[in-house]
Amino acid sequence: MKTMISMDGKRIWRTTNEKASELYAEGEANYVPKSTWKEKVRDIDKEVHESPVGAGFAHKDTKANKMSKAQKRQMRKTL
């Protein structure tokens, strides 16, 4: 898979290697890094919540504090 951008720069898309080489040879599109496609196309619909943990990580408001198997085993021993 290759990432292509139209000559006017309005459209960015992913395509197969064969189709990409044809488009490049015909002068209809140029190659661009996959990161460009990720920024402008793939991630445009996703809402990213800002959190103090780090940028780009969604933060859950509720957390389930489930005990691990080792913790459960320890609880049984102490009772």
N, C-alpha and C. Protein backbone atom coordinates (compact mmCIF):
# COMPACT_ATOMS: atom_id res chain seq x y z
N MET A 1 0.84 -1.18 0.00
CA MET A 1 0.00 0.00 0.00
C MET A 1 0.89 1.25 0.00
N LYS A 2 0.47 2.21 -0.77
CA LYS A 2 1.17 3.49 -0.86
C LYS A 2 0.17 4.61 -0.60
N THR A 3 0.68 5.73 -0.15
CA THR A 3 -0.13 6.91 0.10
C THR A 3 0.14 7.91 -1.01
N MET A 4 -0.93 8.42 -1.61
CA MET A 4 -0.81 9.32 -2.74
C MET A 4 -1.55 10.63 -2.46
N ILE A 5 -1.08 11.70 -3.10
CA ILE A 5 -1.76 12.99 -3.03
C ILE A 5 -1.96 13.47 -4.46
N SER A 6 -3.12 14.03 -4.74
CA SER A 6 -3.39 14.52 -6.09
C SER A 6 -2.47 15.70 -6.40
N MET A 7 -2.31 16.00 -7.66
CA MET A 7 -1.40 17.07 -8.07
C MET A 7 -1.84 18.43 -7.54
N ASP A 8 -3.16 18.63 -7.37
CA ASP A 8 -3.64 19.90 -6.83
C ASP A 8 -3.59 19.93 -5.31
N GLY A 9 -3.29 18.79 -4.68
CA GLY A 9 -3.15 18.72 -3.23
C GLY A 9 -4.44 18.66 -2.46
N LYS A 10 -5.56 18.43 -3.13
CA LYS A 10 -6.86 18.42 -2.46
C LYS A 10 -7.26 17.04 -1.94
N ARG A 11 -6.68 15.97 -2.47
CA ARG A 11 -7.11 14.63 -2.13
C ARG A 11 -5.92 13.77 -1.73
N ILE A 12 -6.06 13.07 -0.60
CA ILE A 12 -5.03 12.14 -0.11
C ILE A 12 -5.69 10.79 0.07
N TRP A 13 -5.08 9.72 -0.44
CA TRP A 13 -5.68 8.40 -0.33
C TRP A 13 -4.60 7.33 -0.32
N ARG A 14 -5.02 6.12 0.09
CA ARG A 14 -4.14 4.94 0.11
C ARG A 14 -4.54 4.05 -1.05
N THR A 15 -3.55 3.47 -1.72
CA THR A 15 -3.82 2.62 -2.87
C THR A 15 -2.76 1.52 -2.95
N THR A 16 -2.99 0.56 -3.84
CA THR A 16 -2.04 -0.54 -4.00
C THR A 16 -0.76 -0.06 -4.67
N ASN A 17 0.29 -0.84 -4.55
CA ASN A 17 1.58 -0.47 -5.14
C ASN A 17 1.48 -0.31 -6.66
N GLU A 18 0.75 -1.24 -7.31
CA GLU A 18 0.64 -1.20 -8.77
C GLU A 18 -0.11 0.06 -9.23
N LYS A 19 -1.24 0.33 -8.59
CA LYS A 19 -2.04 1.51 -8.96
C LYS A 19 -1.27 2.79 -8.67
N ALA A 20 -0.50 2.80 -7.58
CA ALA A 20 0.29 3.98 -7.24
C ALA A 20 1.35 4.26 -8.29
N SER A 21 2.03 3.23 -8.76
CA SER A 21 3.06 3.43 -9.77
C SER A 21 2.45 3.92 -11.09
N GLU A 22 1.25 3.43 -11.43
CA GLU A 22 0.57 3.91 -12.64
C GLU A 22 0.21 5.39 -12.52
N LEU A 23 -0.37 5.77 -11.38
CA LEU A 23 -0.76 7.17 -11.17
C LEU A 23 0.45 8.10 -11.19
N TYR A 24 1.55 7.65 -10.61
CA TYR A 24 2.77 8.46 -10.59
C TYR A 24 3.35 8.60 -11.99
N ALA A 25 3.35 7.51 -12.76
CA ALA A 25 3.89 7.53 -14.12
C ALA A 25 3.05 8.44 -15.03
N GLU A 26 1.73 8.46 -14.82
CA GLU A 26 0.84 9.30 -15.63
C GLU A 26 0.87 10.75 -15.19
N GLY A 27 1.48 11.03 -14.03
CA GLY A 27 1.57 12.40 -13.55
C GLY A 27 0.31 12.90 -12.87
N GLU A 28 -0.54 11.97 -12.42
CA GLU A 28 -1.80 12.35 -11.77
C GLU A 28 -1.65 12.54 -10.27
N ALA A 29 -0.62 11.92 -9.67
CA ALA A 29 -0.46 12.00 -8.22
C ALA A 29 1.01 11.83 -7.84
N ASN A 30 1.33 12.24 -6.62
CA ASN A 30 2.67 12.08 -6.07
C ASN A 30 2.60 11.27 -4.79
N TYR A 31 3.73 10.70 -4.41
CA TYR A 31 3.81 9.95 -3.17
C TYR A 31 3.92 10.91 -1.99
N VAL A 32 3.31 10.54 -0.85
CA VAL A 32 3.47 11.29 0.40
C VAL A 32 3.64 10.28 1.52
N PRO A 33 4.18 10.71 2.67
CA PRO A 33 4.33 9.79 3.80
C PRO A 33 2.97 9.37 4.37
N LYS A 34 2.93 8.20 4.93
CA LYS A 34 1.70 7.69 5.53
C LYS A 34 1.24 8.58 6.68
N SER A 35 2.17 9.23 7.36
CA SER A 35 1.82 10.10 8.48
C SER A 35 0.93 11.25 8.02
N THR A 36 1.11 11.73 6.80
CA THR A 36 0.26 12.79 6.26
C THR A 36 -1.17 12.30 6.14
N TRP A 37 -1.35 11.09 5.62
CA TRP A 37 -2.68 10.49 5.50
C TRP A 37 -3.32 10.30 6.87
N LYS A 38 -2.52 9.86 7.85
CA LYS A 38 -3.04 9.66 9.20
C LYS A 38 -3.56 10.97 9.79
N GLU A 39 -2.81 12.04 9.62
CA GLU A 39 -3.18 13.33 10.19
C GLU A 39 -4.41 13.93 9.53
N LYS A 40 -4.46 13.89 8.21
CA LYS A 40 -5.47 14.63 7.48
C LYS A 40 -6.71 13.83 7.12
N VAL A 41 -6.62 12.51 7.04
CA VAL A 41 -7.76 11.71 6.61
C VAL A 41 -8.25 10.77 7.70
N ARG A 42 -7.39 9.92 8.18
CA ARG A 42 -7.82 8.87 9.11
C ARG A 42 -8.27 9.42 10.45
N ASP A 43 -7.54 10.35 11.03
CA ASP A 43 -7.83 10.83 12.37
C ASP A 43 -8.78 12.03 12.41
N ILE A 44 -9.29 12.46 11.28
CA ILE A 44 -10.10 13.66 11.26
C ILE A 44 -11.44 13.46 11.95
N ASP A 45 -12.00 12.24 11.92
CA ASP A 45 -13.30 11.99 12.52
C ASP A 45 -13.22 11.59 13.99
N LYS A 46 -12.04 11.25 14.46
CA LYS A 46 -11.89 10.81 15.84
C LYS A 46 -11.74 12.01 16.76
N GLU A 47 -12.43 11.97 17.88
CA GLU A 47 -12.28 13.02 18.88
C GLU A 47 -11.22 12.59 19.87
N VAL A 48 -10.21 13.40 20.03
CA VAL A 48 -9.13 13.10 20.95
C VAL A 48 -9.34 13.95 22.19
N HIS A 49 -9.44 13.28 23.33
CA HIS A 49 -9.63 13.98 24.60
C HIS A 49 -8.27 14.36 25.17
N GLU A 50 -8.16 15.59 25.56
CA GLU A 50 -6.93 16.03 26.20
C GLU A 50 -6.93 15.54 27.63
N SER A 51 -5.84 14.98 28.05
CA SER A 51 -5.74 14.50 29.42
C SER A 51 -4.36 14.84 29.96
N PRO A 52 -4.23 14.94 31.27
CA PRO A 52 -2.92 15.25 31.83
C PRO A 52 -1.91 14.13 31.66
N VAL A 53 -2.40 12.91 31.36
CA VAL A 53 -1.50 11.78 31.20
C VAL A 53 -0.63 11.99 29.96
N GLY A 54 -1.21 12.44 28.88
CA GLY A 54 -0.46 12.67 27.65
C GLY A 54 -1.38 13.04 26.53
N ALA A 55 -0.90 13.79 25.60
CA ALA A 55 -1.72 14.21 24.47
C ALA A 55 -2.03 13.02 23.58
N GLY A 56 -3.26 12.96 23.13
CA GLY A 56 -3.67 11.89 22.23
C GLY A 56 -4.24 10.68 22.90
N PHE A 57 -4.24 10.64 24.21
CA PHE A 57 -4.78 9.49 24.91
C PHE A 57 -6.17 9.82 25.44
N ALA A 58 -7.11 8.96 25.15
CA ALA A 58 -8.46 9.15 25.68
C ALA A 58 -8.47 8.68 27.12
N HIS A 59 -9.13 9.41 27.99
CA HIS A 59 -9.16 9.08 29.40
C HIS A 59 -10.55 8.58 29.78
N LYS A 60 -10.60 7.41 30.39
CA LYS A 60 -11.88 6.88 30.87
C LYS A 60 -12.22 7.54 32.19
N ASP A 61 -13.47 7.95 32.34
CA ASP A 61 -13.88 8.57 33.59
C ASP A 61 -14.08 7.54 34.69
N THR A 62 -14.50 6.35 34.33
CA THR A 62 -14.71 5.32 35.33
C THR A 62 -13.67 4.22 35.12
N LYS A 63 -13.17 3.71 36.22
CA LYS A 63 -12.17 2.67 36.15
C LYS A 63 -12.63 1.51 37.01
N ALA A 64 -12.57 0.33 36.45
CA ALA A 64 -12.95 -0.86 37.19
C ALA A 64 -11.71 -1.39 37.91
N ASN A 65 -11.75 -1.41 39.22
CA ASN A 65 -10.62 -1.91 40.00
C ASN A 65 -10.82 -3.40 40.27
N LYS A 66 -10.54 -4.20 39.31
CA LYS A 66 -10.69 -5.64 39.46
C LYS A 66 -9.43 -6.21 40.09
N MET A 67 -9.63 -7.17 40.94
CA MET A 67 -8.50 -7.81 41.60
C MET A 67 -7.89 -8.85 40.66
N SER A 68 -6.59 -8.95 40.69
CA SER A 68 -5.92 -9.95 39.88
C SER A 68 -6.04 -11.31 40.56
N LYS A 69 -5.68 -12.34 39.85
CA LYS A 69 -5.72 -13.69 40.43
C LYS A 69 -4.81 -13.79 41.64
N ALA A 70 -3.66 -13.17 41.57
CA ALA A 70 -2.72 -13.22 42.69
C ALA A 70 -3.30 -12.51 43.92
N GLN A 71 -3.96 -11.38 43.69
CA GLN A 71 -4.58 -10.66 44.81
C GLN A 71 -5.70 -11.48 45.43
N LYS A 72 -6.51 -12.14 44.61
CA LYS A 72 -7.59 -12.99 45.14
C LYS A 72 -7.03 -14.15 45.95
N ARG A 73 -5.95 -14.76 45.43
CA ARG A 73 -5.31 -15.86 46.13
C ARG A 73 -4.78 -15.40 47.49
N GLN A 74 -4.19 -14.23 47.55
CA GLN A 74 -3.67 -13.68 48.78
C GLN A 74 -4.78 -13.42 49.78
N MET A 75 -5.92 -12.92 49.29
CA MET A 75 -7.08 -12.67 50.16
C MET A 75 -7.59 -13.97 50.80
N ARG A 76 -7.62 -15.06 50.02
CA ARG A 76 -8.07 -16.34 50.54
C ARG A 76 -7.13 -16.86 51.63
N LYS A 77 -5.83 -16.63 51.45
CA LYS A 77 -4.84 -17.10 52.43
C LYS A 77 -4.99 -16.35 53.76
N THR A 78 -5.28 -15.07 53.70
CA THR A 78 -5.34 -14.27 54.93
C THR A 78 -6.63 -14.50 55.70
N LEU A 79 -7.66 -15.01 55.10
CA LEU A 79 -8.92 -15.23 55.81
C LEU A 79 -8.96 -16.49 56.59
